[in-house]
Amino acid sequence: PLRVYNFLMAGAFLVLVFQPGIPAAILARFCETELRFCLRNPINQLLNNYYDRSQRIVARAMTLGAINPFATLVTSLIIGGLTFFGYEKIIFLLCIVTVALYIFFNKKVFRFLKD
């Protein structure tokens, strides 16, 4: 299932690049939602499990209320800055690198969990 998801993600990005439209947007939205769910939850759990049970509510609020919005803000500033200065092609390359890193680390995690 994990390998299928990797190919689905890569396929969705390729469809968006070469065949933009409503079906591609629906596929990308599905993949983006699933990607956010898969990436955010393990990170949140690692951060939350670091604290005692009595402090987890505060840690969860900090994670959801501060860390995720801050990361979104930084990413949007980077993309906005690159667009403003005319480096749209770099955004595409960053997306390709991000997808490649995601697939690479997904395989590493999958192998680690398999052992």
C-alpha atoms as a PDB file:
ATOM      1  CA  PRO A   1       0.000   0.000   0.000  1.00  0.00           C
ATOM      2  CA  LEU A   2       2.838   2.426   0.786  1.00  0.00           C
ATOM      3  CA  ARG A   3       4.446   1.940  -2.617  1.00  0.00           C
ATOM      4  CA  VAL A   4       1.123   2.466  -4.353  1.00  0.00           C
ATOM      5  CA  TYR A   5       0.702   5.707  -2.448  1.00  0.00           C
ATOM      6  CA  ASN A   6       4.188   6.863  -3.516  1.00  0.00           C
ATOM      7  CA  PHE A   7       3.347   6.280  -7.156  1.00  0.00           C
ATOM      8  CA  LEU A   8      -0.031   7.960  -6.693  1.00  0.00           C
ATOM      9  CA  MET A   9       1.668  11.055  -5.252  1.00  0.00           C
ATOM     10  CA  ALA A  10       4.251  11.213  -8.026  1.00  0.00           C
ATOM     11  CA  GLY A  11       1.536  10.640 -10.634  1.00  0.00           C
ATOM     12  CA  ALA A  12      -0.607  13.419  -9.193  1.00  0.00           C
ATOM     13  CA  PHE A  13       2.280  15.870  -9.405  1.00  0.00           C
ATOM     14  CA  LEU A  14       3.027  14.839 -12.975  1.00  0.00           C
ATOM     15  CA  VAL A  15      -0.636  15.211 -13.964  1.00  0.00           C
ATOM     16  CA  LEU A  16      -0.700  18.689 -12.435  1.00  0.00           C
ATOM     17  CA  VAL A  17       2.393  19.716 -14.346  1.00  0.00           C
ATOM     18  CA  PHE A  18       1.500  18.291 -17.754  1.00  0.00           C
ATOM     19  CA  GLN A  19      -2.330  18.188 -17.749  1.00  0.00           C
ATOM     20  CA  PRO A  20      -3.782  20.818 -15.412  1.00  0.00           C
ATOM     21  CA  GLY A  21      -7.543  20.900 -14.997  1.00  0.00           C
ATOM     22  CA  ILE A  22     -10.429  19.967 -12.701  1.00  0.00           C
ATOM     23  CA  PRO A  23      -9.711  16.192 -12.577  1.00  0.00           C
ATOM     24  CA  ALA A  24      -6.043  16.895 -11.847  1.00  0.00           C
ATOM     25  CA  ALA A  25      -7.041  19.347  -9.116  1.00  0.00           C
ATOM     26  CA  ILE A  26      -9.329  16.763  -7.505  1.00  0.00           C
ATOM     27  CA  LEU A  27      -6.564  14.137  -7.599  1.00  0.00           C
ATOM     28  CA  ALA A  28      -4.034  16.606  -6.204  1.00  0.00           C
ATOM     29  CA  ARG A  29      -6.399  17.671  -3.424  1.00  0.00           C
ATOM     30  CA  PHE A  30      -6.921  14.056  -2.403  1.00  0.00           C
ATOM     31  CA  CYS A  31      -3.174  13.402  -2.390  1.00  0.00           C
ATOM     32  CA  GLU A  32      -2.406  16.642  -0.550  1.00  0.00           C
ATOM     33  CA  THR A  33      -4.931  15.854   2.173  1.00  0.00           C
ATOM     34  CA  GLU A  34      -3.594  12.345   2.602  1.00  0.00           C
ATOM     35  CA  LEU A  35       0.014  13.574   2.566  1.00  0.00           C
ATOM     36  CA  ARG A  36      -0.718  16.170   5.221  1.00  0.00           C
ATOM     37  CA  PHE A  37      -2.463  13.562   7.360  1.00  0.00           C
ATOM     38  CA  CYS A  38       0.402  11.056   6.985  1.00  0.00           C
ATOM     39  CA  LEU A  39       3.186  13.551   7.667  1.00  0.00           C
ATOM     40  CA  ARG A  40       1.629  15.711  10.358  1.00  0.00           C
ATOM     41  CA  ASN A  41       0.311  12.979  12.636  1.00  0.00           C
ATOM     42  CA  PRO A  42       3.617  11.120  13.237  1.00  0.00           C
ATOM     43  CA  ILE A  43       5.412  14.404  13.897  1.00  0.00           C
ATOM     44  CA  ASN A  44       2.675  15.510  16.266  1.00  0.00           C
ATOM     45  CA  GLN A  45       2.770  12.189  18.073  1.00  0.00           C
ATOM     46  CA  LEU A  46       6.538  12.371  18.498  1.00  0.00           C
ATOM     47  CA  LEU A  47       6.278  15.876  19.915  1.00  0.00           C
ATOM     48  CA  ASN A  48       3.328  15.042  22.142  1.00  0.00           C
ATOM     49  CA  ASN A  49       4.744  11.793  23.509  1.00  0.00           C
ATOM     50  CA  TYR A  50       7.892  13.590  24.649  1.00  0.00           C
ATOM     51  CA  TYR A  51       5.910  15.314  27.418  1.00  0.00           C
ATOM     52  CA  ASP A  52       4.218  13.907  30.522  1.00  0.00           C
ATOM     53  CA  ARG A  53       0.529  13.094  30.290  1.00  0.00           C
ATOM     54  CA  SER A  54      -0.387  16.208  32.224  1.00  0.00           C
ATOM     55  CA  GLN A  55       1.494  18.428  29.756  1.00  0.00           C
ATOM     56  CA  ARG A  56       0.326  16.745  26.526  1.00  0.00           C
ATOM     57  CA  ILE A  57      -2.722  18.960  26.132  1.00  0.00           C
ATOM     58  CA  VAL A  58      -0.495  22.038  26.182  1.00  0.00           C
ATOM     59  CA  ALA A  59       1.995  20.378  23.835  1.00  0.00           C
ATOM     60  CA  ARG A  60      -0.777  19.412  21.413  1.00  0.00           C
ATOM     61  CA  ALA A  61      -2.125  22.951  21.438  1.00  0.00           C
ATOM     62  CA  MET A  62       1.380  24.312  20.829  1.00  0.00           C
ATOM     63  CA  THR A  63       1.943  21.915  17.931  1.00  0.00           C
ATOM     64  CA  LEU A  64      -1.369  22.547  16.204  1.00  0.00           C
ATOM     65  CA  GLY A  65      -1.626  26.222  17.102  1.00  0.00           C
ATOM     66  CA  ALA A  66       1.912  27.436  16.540  1.00  0.00           C
ATOM     67  CA  ILE A  67       4.275  25.013  14.809  1.00  0.00           C
ATOM     68  CA  ASN A  68       2.091  24.000  11.859  1.00  0.00           C
ATOM     69  CA  PRO A  69       0.909  27.555  11.055  1.00  0.00           C
ATOM     70  CA  PHE A  70       4.484  28.843  11.371  1.00  0.00           C
ATOM     71  CA  ALA A  71       5.741  26.182   8.932  1.00  0.00           C
ATOM     72  CA  THR A  72       2.936  27.092   6.524  1.00  0.00           C
ATOM     73  CA  LEU A  73       3.801  30.783   6.797  1.00  0.00           C
ATOM     74  CA  VAL A  74       7.511  30.181   6.139  1.00  0.00           C
ATOM     75  CA  THR A  75       6.708  28.000   3.121  1.00  0.00           C
ATOM     76  CA  SER A  76       4.318  30.565   1.677  1.00  0.00           C
ATOM     77  CA  LEU A  77       6.904  33.325   2.165  1.00  0.00           C
ATOM     78  CA  ILE A  78       9.525  31.257   0.345  1.00  0.00           C
ATOM     79  CA  ILE A  79       7.173  30.535  -2.562  1.00  0.00           C
ATOM     80  CA  GLY A  80       5.948  34.146  -2.643  1.00  0.00           C
ATOM     81  CA  GLY A  81       9.499  35.470  -2.616  1.00  0.00           C
ATOM     82  CA  LEU A  82      10.586  33.178  -5.416  1.00  0.00           C
ATOM     83  CA  THR A  83       7.544  34.204  -7.465  1.00  0.00           C
ATOM     84  CA  PHE A  84       8.071  37.900  -6.775  1.00  0.00           C
ATOM     85  CA  PHE A  85      11.670  37.795  -7.955  1.00  0.00           C
ATOM     86  CA  GLY A  86      10.824  35.754 -11.055  1.00  0.00           C
ATOM     87  CA  TYR A  87      12.177  32.360 -10.025  1.00  0.00           C
ATOM     88  CA  GLU A  88       9.073  30.300 -10.850  1.00  0.00           C
ATOM     89  CA  LYS A  89      11.186  27.523 -12.366  1.00  0.00           C
ATOM     90  CA  ILE A  90      12.935  27.022  -9.030  1.00  0.00           C
ATOM     91  CA  ILE A  91       9.537  26.384  -7.408  1.00  0.00           C
ATOM     92  CA  PHE A  92       8.981  23.533  -9.851  1.00  0.00           C
ATOM     93  CA  LEU A  93      12.424  22.114  -9.086  1.00  0.00           C
ATOM     94  CA  LEU A  94      11.783  22.407  -5.344  1.00  0.00           C
ATOM     95  CA  CYS A  95       8.552  20.451  -5.819  1.00  0.00           C
ATOM     96  CA  ILE A  96      10.410  17.722  -7.713  1.00  0.00           C
ATOM     97  CA  VAL A  97      13.108  17.560  -5.014  1.00  0.00           C
ATOM     98  CA  THR A  98      10.472  17.489  -2.273  1.00  0.00           C
ATOM     99  CA  VAL A  99       8.636  14.594  -3.921  1.00  0.00           C
ATOM    100  CA  ALA A 100      11.901  12.706  -4.417  1.00  0.00           C
ATOM    101  CA  LEU A 101      12.894  13.228  -0.775  1.00  0.00           C
ATOM    102  CA  TYR A 102       9.437  12.187   0.364  1.00  0.00           C
ATOM    103  CA  ILE A 103       9.647   8.927  -1.603  1.00  0.00           C
ATOM    104  CA  PHE A 104      13.215   8.297  -0.421  1.00  0.00           C
ATOM    105  CA  PHE A 105      12.423   8.795   3.268  1.00  0.00           C
ATOM    106  CA  ASN A 106       9.161   6.907   2.958  1.00  0.00           C
ATOM    107  CA  LYS A 107      11.127   3.887   1.737  1.00  0.00           C
ATOM    108  CA  LYS A 108      13.584   4.263   4.616  1.00  0.00           C
ATOM    109  CA  VAL A 109      10.763   4.384   7.180  1.00  0.00           C
ATOM    110  CA  PHE A 110       9.021   1.449   5.521  1.00  0.00           C
ATOM    111  CA  ARG A 111      12.217  -0.640   5.671  1.00  0.00           C
ATOM    112  CA  PHE A 112      12.780   0.382   9.294  1.00  0.00           C
ATOM    113  CA  LEU A 113       9.240  -0.609  10.277  1.00  0.00           C
ATOM    114  CA  LYS A 114       9.480  -3.853   8.336  1.00  0.00           C
ATOM    115  CA  ASP A 115      12.542  -4.996  10.323  1.00  0.00           C
END
